[in-house]
Protein backbone atom coordinates (compact mmCIF):
# COMPACT_ATOMS: atom_id res chain seq x y z
CA MET A 1 18.90 -8.01 -1.34
CA MET A 2 15.90 -10.25 -1.64
CA LYS A 3 12.66 -9.52 0.19
CA ILE A 4 11.31 -12.04 2.71
CA CYS A 5 8.18 -12.40 4.81
CA ILE A 6 8.36 -14.49 7.98
CA LEU A 7 5.03 -15.89 9.20
CA GLY A 8 3.89 -18.08 12.06
CA HIS A 9 1.90 -18.14 15.24
CA CYS A 10 2.65 -15.96 18.26
CA ARG A 11 5.87 -16.87 20.11
CA HIS A 12 6.89 -19.58 17.59
CA GLY A 13 10.27 -17.98 16.77
CA LYS A 14 9.71 -15.55 13.91
CA ASP A 15 11.76 -12.76 15.44
CA THR A 16 14.46 -15.22 16.50
CA LEU A 17 14.78 -16.38 12.90
CA ALA A 18 14.99 -12.77 11.69
CA GLU A 19 17.64 -11.97 14.32
CA ILE A 20 19.77 -14.94 13.26
CA LEU A 21 19.49 -14.02 9.57
CA ASN A 22 20.39 -10.45 10.46
CA GLU A 23 23.43 -11.40 12.55
CA ARG A 24 24.79 -14.01 10.15
CA PHE A 25 23.78 -12.66 6.74
CA GLY A 26 23.04 -8.96 7.20
CA MET A 27 19.34 -9.20 6.38
CA THR A 28 17.46 -6.25 7.85
CA TYR A 29 14.00 -6.74 9.32
CA ILE A 30 11.09 -4.96 10.94
CA SER A 31 8.21 -6.64 12.72
CA SER A 32 4.63 -5.73 11.91
CA SER A 33 4.06 -4.63 15.51
CA GLU A 34 7.19 -2.49 15.60
CA ALA A 35 6.34 -0.77 12.31
CA ALA A 36 2.67 -0.27 13.10
CA ASN A 37 3.55 1.14 16.50
CA ARG A 38 6.00 3.57 14.93
CA TYR A 39 3.76 4.61 12.02
CA PHE A 40 0.36 5.00 13.68
CA ILE A 41 -0.54 2.92 16.74
CA TYR A 42 1.39 4.81 19.42
CA GLU A 43 -0.10 8.16 18.37
CA SER A 44 -3.58 6.63 18.36
CA LEU A 45 -3.32 4.85 21.74
CA LYS A 46 -0.97 6.97 23.87
CA ASP A 47 -3.71 9.05 25.49
CA LYS A 48 -6.16 6.15 25.79
CA TYR A 49 -3.71 4.00 27.79
CA GLY A 50 -1.41 6.71 29.16
CA TYR A 51 1.72 5.57 27.34
CA LYS A 52 4.75 7.79 27.87
CA SER A 53 6.73 6.38 24.92
CA GLU A 54 6.53 4.19 21.83
CA GLU A 55 8.37 1.56 23.87
CA ASP A 56 5.64 1.55 26.56
CA CYS A 57 3.00 1.08 23.88
CA PHE A 58 4.98 -1.68 22.15
CA ASP A 59 5.61 -3.53 25.41
CA ASP A 60 1.88 -3.51 26.23
CA ARG A 61 0.75 -4.80 22.81
CA VAL A 62 0.13 -8.32 24.12
CA ASN A 63 -2.68 -6.92 26.27
CA HIS A 64 -4.40 -5.33 23.27
CA ARG A 65 -3.76 -7.85 20.50
CA ASP A 66 -7.29 -7.61 19.03
CA GLU A 67 -7.16 -3.83 19.00
CA TRP A 68 -3.76 -3.77 17.29
CA TYR A 69 -4.95 -6.30 14.70
CA SER A 70 -8.03 -4.17 13.94
CA MET A 71 -5.95 -1.01 13.67
CA ILE A 72 -3.52 -2.63 11.22
CA CYS A 73 -6.42 -3.92 9.12
CA LYS A 74 -7.90 -0.42 9.08
CA TYR A 75 -4.50 1.06 8.11
CA ASN A 76 -4.42 -1.35 5.15
CA GLN A 77 -8.08 -0.81 4.25
CA ASN A 78 -7.54 1.10 0.98
CA ASP A 79 -4.34 -0.76 0.06
CA SER A 80 -3.95 -4.19 1.62
CA ALA A 81 -0.17 -4.03 1.05
CA ARG A 82 0.30 -0.59 2.63
CA LEU A 83 2.10 -1.72 5.79
CA ALA A 84 4.17 -4.25 3.86
CA LYS A 85 5.28 -1.56 1.39
CA ASN A 86 6.19 0.76 4.28
CA ILE A 87 8.27 -1.96 5.92
CA LEU A 88 10.03 -3.00 2.73
CA GLU A 89 11.10 0.60 2.09
CA ASN A 90 13.31 0.27 5.18
CA ALA A 91 14.04 -3.44 5.53
CA ASP A 92 14.60 -6.69 3.65
CA CYS A 93 12.18 -8.69 5.76
CA TYR A 94 8.69 -8.23 7.16
CA VAL A 95 8.23 -10.29 10.32
CA GLY A 96 4.83 -11.22 11.69
CA MET A 97 2.19 -10.39 9.13
CA ARG A 98 -1.13 -11.52 10.61
CA ASP A 99 -3.96 -10.91 8.17
CA TYR A 100 -4.79 -12.98 5.08
CA ASP A 101 -6.08 -10.00 3.08
CA GLU A 102 -2.79 -8.21 3.70
CA PHE A 103 -0.92 -11.36 2.73
CA ILE A 104 -2.82 -11.76 -0.56
CA GLY A 105 -2.33 -8.09 -1.40
CA SER A 106 1.40 -8.12 -0.69
CA LYS A 107 2.73 -11.62 -1.35
CA ASN A 108 4.04 -10.56 -4.77
CA LEU A 109 6.41 -8.15 -2.97
CA PHE A 110 8.38 -11.05 -1.46
CA ASP A 111 10.89 -13.45 -2.96
CA TYR A 112 10.20 -15.99 -0.21
CA ILE A 113 7.50 -16.57 2.38
CA ILE A 114 8.91 -18.47 5.38
CA TRP A 115 6.77 -20.11 8.06
CA VAL A 116 8.20 -20.76 11.54
CA ASP A 117 6.40 -23.67 13.19
CA ALA A 118 6.67 -24.60 16.87
CA SER A 119 3.23 -26.24 17.04
CA GLU A 120 4.53 -29.43 18.66
CA ARG A 121 5.53 -27.45 21.77
CA LEU A 122 3.39 -24.28 21.65
CA PRO A 123 -0.28 -23.59 20.92
CA LYS A 124 -1.51 -22.14 17.67
CA GLU A 125 -2.91 -18.66 17.79
CA ASN A 126 -6.59 -17.95 17.34
CA GLY A 127 -8.38 -14.76 16.42
CA THR A 128 -5.70 -12.32 15.31
CA PHE A 129 -3.83 -14.56 12.87
CA ASN A 130 -5.52 -16.09 9.83
CA ILE A 131 -2.86 -16.88 7.22
CA PRO A 132 -2.76 -20.59 6.32
CA LYS A 133 0.54 -22.45 6.69
CA ASN A 134 0.29 -23.83 3.14
CA GLU A 135 0.86 -20.30 1.75
CA ALA A 136 4.53 -20.48 2.77
CA ASP A 137 7.33 -21.36 0.35
CA ILE A 138 9.52 -22.66 3.17
CA ILE A 139 8.63 -24.12 6.57
CA ILE A 140 11.24 -24.17 9.31
CA GLU A 141 10.49 -26.28 12.39
CA ASN A 142 11.21 -24.87 15.85
CA ASN A 143 10.06 -27.73 18.06
CA THR A 144 13.25 -28.69 19.88
CA THR A 145 16.10 -26.57 21.23
CA LEU A 146 17.28 -23.07 20.40
CA GLU A 147 20.57 -24.63 19.33
CA ASP A 148 18.80 -26.88 16.79
CA PHE A 149 16.68 -23.98 15.54
CA THR A 150 19.78 -21.81 15.16
CA LYS A 151 21.47 -24.51 13.06
CA LYS A 152 18.40 -24.76 10.84
CA ALA A 153 18.21 -20.97 10.53
CA ILE A 154 21.87 -20.73 9.50
CA LYS A 155 21.42 -23.52 6.96
CA LEU A 156 18.38 -21.68 5.58
CA GLY A 157 20.41 -18.47 5.43
CA PHE A 158 23.14 -20.15 3.39
CA LEU A 159 20.52 -21.44 0.97
CA LEU A 160 18.84 -18.04 0.64
CA PHE A 161 21.91 -15.84 0.59
CA SER A 162 24.46 -18.06 -1.15
CA ASN A 163 24.85 -15.44 -3.89
CA LYS A 164 26.10 -12.83 -1.40
């Protein structure tokens, strides 16, 4: 199966796209936050914030976005593609990469870079996301309804996975 990276600002529909591609075309995916939490963040933060489980830590990530971003950058310090390589060992798609250095170091691992854009209805993210939109191979708009986005996602899936 091909390898894909799905990018975009917070809450713009990256995970929704991955879920649709998974359900319709069998593409497996792991989000950056999910992987980082599993590999190193939960163990590092559980005592600091009193988390009882990986799920508690994951659910609270929105309150510590800067800290998570810094921890992922540190994890990738000696190999900017480290997290991407870890994810791609277990999945076809990496959802939610946030750092440009990581992107540059790992973009050759992906067949397609897809950007999900809902900027007409949601704000762009500042601070913990610095990958430019023009780095994407494909841009999928998510500015109307979930039904419209689902149709676009399925059409994209047919284009990507037509050899299946």
